[in-house]
Amino acid sequence: MIGPFSQYLAAVEKDLRAEYRSLLHGNLYLTILDWYTDGVAPEEASVRIKNALEG
């Protein structure tokens, strides 16, 4: 795992547009927690979110 989850969440959040950040603490929280436990890099998590939201 990559440090504490709060640090991971902050690292994912820093690469996202402001309007996407609220999703991290709501609808996407459990998905991001799953990626964290699976060892997905924060940068990859950000890319996955961007791809899903921007198509």
N, C-alpha and C. Protein backbone atom coordinates (compact mmCIF):
# COMPACT_ATOMS: atom_id res chain seq x y z
N MET A 1 0.84 -1.18 0.00
CA MET A 1 0.00 0.00 0.00
C MET A 1 0.88 1.24 0.00
N ILE A 2 0.28 2.36 -0.35
CA ILE A 2 1.01 3.59 -0.56
C ILE A 2 0.71 4.57 0.57
N GLY A 3 1.35 4.41 1.73
CA GLY A 3 1.11 5.32 2.84
C GLY A 3 -0.33 5.27 3.34
N PRO A 4 -0.65 6.17 4.27
CA PRO A 4 -2.01 6.23 4.79
C PRO A 4 -3.02 6.61 3.69
N PHE A 5 -4.24 6.14 3.84
CA PHE A 5 -5.27 6.39 2.83
C PHE A 5 -5.50 7.88 2.63
N SER A 6 -5.43 8.68 3.67
CA SER A 6 -5.66 10.12 3.53
C SER A 6 -4.62 10.76 2.61
N GLN A 7 -3.37 10.29 2.67
CA GLN A 7 -2.33 10.80 1.77
C GLN A 7 -2.59 10.34 0.34
N TYR A 8 -3.03 9.12 0.19
CA TYR A 8 -3.38 8.59 -1.13
C TYR A 8 -4.51 9.40 -1.75
N LEU A 9 -5.55 9.66 -0.97
CA LEU A 9 -6.69 10.42 -1.45
C LEU A 9 -6.26 11.83 -1.88
N ALA A 10 -5.38 12.44 -1.10
CA ALA A 10 -4.88 13.78 -1.45
C ALA A 10 -4.08 13.74 -2.74
N ALA A 11 -3.30 12.68 -2.95
CA ALA A 11 -2.50 12.55 -4.16
C ALA A 11 -3.40 12.35 -5.39
N VAL A 12 -4.46 11.61 -5.25
CA VAL A 12 -5.42 11.43 -6.35
C VAL A 12 -6.09 12.77 -6.65
N GLU A 13 -6.49 13.44 -5.62
CA GLU A 13 -7.23 14.70 -5.75
C GLU A 13 -6.42 15.80 -6.43
N LYS A 14 -5.13 15.85 -6.21
CA LYS A 14 -4.31 16.94 -6.75
C LYS A 14 -4.25 16.96 -8.27
N ASP A 15 -4.48 15.83 -8.91
CA ASP A 15 -4.44 15.75 -10.37
C ASP A 15 -5.80 15.91 -11.04
N LEU A 16 -6.83 16.19 -10.25
CA LEU A 16 -8.18 16.30 -10.81
C LEU A 16 -8.66 17.74 -10.86
N ARG A 17 -9.55 18.01 -11.79
CA ARG A 17 -10.18 19.32 -11.86
C ARG A 17 -11.05 19.52 -10.63
N ALA A 18 -11.23 20.75 -10.24
CA ALA A 18 -11.95 21.09 -9.01
C ALA A 18 -13.35 20.48 -8.96
N GLU A 19 -14.05 20.46 -10.09
CA GLU A 19 -15.43 19.94 -10.07
C GLU A 19 -15.50 18.43 -9.85
N TYR A 20 -14.40 17.73 -10.03
CA TYR A 20 -14.38 16.28 -9.80
C TYR A 20 -14.03 15.92 -8.36
N ARG A 21 -13.42 16.84 -7.65
CA ARG A 21 -12.91 16.54 -6.31
C ARG A 21 -13.99 16.16 -5.33
N SER A 22 -15.17 16.75 -5.44
CA SER A 22 -16.24 16.42 -4.51
C SER A 22 -16.67 14.96 -4.64
N LEU A 23 -16.49 14.39 -5.81
CA LEU A 23 -16.85 12.98 -6.02
C LEU A 23 -15.98 12.03 -5.20
N LEU A 24 -14.76 12.46 -4.88
CA LEU A 24 -13.85 11.59 -4.14
C LEU A 24 -14.36 11.30 -2.74
N HIS A 25 -15.07 12.22 -2.16
CA HIS A 25 -15.55 12.05 -0.80
C HIS A 25 -17.01 11.59 -0.78
N GLY A 26 -17.55 11.32 -1.94
CA GLY A 26 -18.93 10.85 -2.05
C GLY A 26 -19.00 9.57 -2.82
N ASN A 27 -19.46 9.67 -4.05
CA ASN A 27 -19.75 8.50 -4.88
C ASN A 27 -18.55 7.61 -5.17
N LEU A 28 -17.37 8.18 -5.29
CA LEU A 28 -16.19 7.39 -5.68
C LEU A 28 -15.36 6.91 -4.49
N TYR A 29 -15.74 7.25 -3.29
CA TYR A 29 -14.92 6.95 -2.12
C TYR A 29 -14.58 5.47 -2.00
N LEU A 30 -15.57 4.61 -2.11
CA LEU A 30 -15.33 3.17 -1.95
C LEU A 30 -14.51 2.61 -3.11
N THR A 31 -14.71 3.15 -4.30
CA THR A 31 -13.92 2.71 -5.45
C THR A 31 -12.45 3.06 -5.24
N ILE A 32 -12.20 4.28 -4.78
CA ILE A 32 -10.82 4.72 -4.54
C ILE A 32 -10.20 3.92 -3.40
N LEU A 33 -10.97 3.61 -2.38
CA LEU A 33 -10.47 2.77 -1.29
C LEU A 33 -10.08 1.39 -1.82
N ASP A 34 -10.87 0.84 -2.72
CA ASP A 34 -10.57 -0.44 -3.33
C ASP A 34 -9.28 -0.37 -4.14
N TRP A 35 -9.12 0.69 -4.93
CA TRP A 35 -7.89 0.86 -5.71
C TRP A 35 -6.68 0.99 -4.78
N TYR A 36 -6.85 1.71 -3.69
CA TYR A 36 -5.77 1.87 -2.70
C TYR A 36 -5.33 0.52 -2.16
N THR A 37 -6.30 -0.31 -1.77
CA THR A 37 -5.95 -1.61 -1.20
C THR A 37 -5.37 -2.56 -2.27
N ASP A 38 -5.72 -2.31 -3.54
CA ASP A 38 -5.16 -3.11 -4.63
C ASP A 38 -3.79 -2.61 -5.09
N GLY A 39 -3.34 -1.47 -4.53
CA GLY A 39 -2.02 -0.96 -4.88
C GLY A 39 -1.97 -0.13 -6.15
N VAL A 40 -3.10 0.38 -6.60
CA VAL A 40 -3.14 1.23 -7.78
C VAL A 40 -2.49 2.58 -7.43
N ALA A 41 -1.55 3.03 -8.24
CA ALA A 41 -0.88 4.30 -7.99
C ALA A 41 -1.88 5.45 -8.04
N PRO A 42 -1.68 6.50 -7.23
CA PRO A 42 -2.62 7.62 -7.23
C PRO A 42 -2.76 8.27 -8.60
N GLU A 43 -1.67 8.33 -9.34
CA GLU A 43 -1.71 8.92 -10.68
C GLU A 43 -2.61 8.11 -11.60
N GLU A 44 -2.54 6.79 -11.49
CA GLU A 44 -3.39 5.91 -12.29
C GLU A 44 -4.85 6.07 -11.88
N ALA A 45 -5.10 6.22 -10.59
CA ALA A 45 -6.47 6.43 -10.12
C ALA A 45 -7.04 7.72 -10.71
N SER A 46 -6.24 8.77 -10.74
CA SER A 46 -6.67 10.04 -11.32
C SER A 46 -7.00 9.88 -12.80
N VAL A 47 -6.16 9.15 -13.51
CA VAL A 47 -6.38 8.92 -14.94
C VAL A 47 -7.67 8.15 -15.15
N ARG A 48 -7.92 7.15 -14.34
CA ARG A 48 -9.15 6.36 -14.47
C ARG A 48 -10.39 7.24 -14.26
N ILE A 49 -10.33 8.11 -13.28
CA ILE A 49 -11.47 9.00 -13.00
C ILE A 49 -11.68 9.96 -14.16
N LYS A 50 -10.59 10.58 -14.63
CA LYS A 50 -10.68 11.51 -15.76
C LYS A 50 -11.26 10.83 -16.99
N ASN A 51 -10.78 9.64 -17.28
CA ASN A 51 -11.27 8.91 -18.46
C ASN A 51 -12.75 8.59 -18.34
N ALA A 52 -13.18 8.22 -17.17
CA ALA A 52 -14.60 7.89 -16.97
C ALA A 52 -15.50 9.13 -17.08
N LEU A 53 -15.03 10.25 -16.58
CA LEU A 53 -15.86 11.44 -16.55
C LEU A 53 -15.78 12.26 -17.84
N GLU A 54 -14.65 12.18 -18.52
CA GLU A 54 -14.47 12.97 -19.72
C GLU A 54 -14.69 12.18 -20.99
N GLY A 55 -14.80 10.86 -20.82
CA GLY A 55 -15.10 9.99 -21.94
C GLY A 55 -13.96 9.87 -22.84
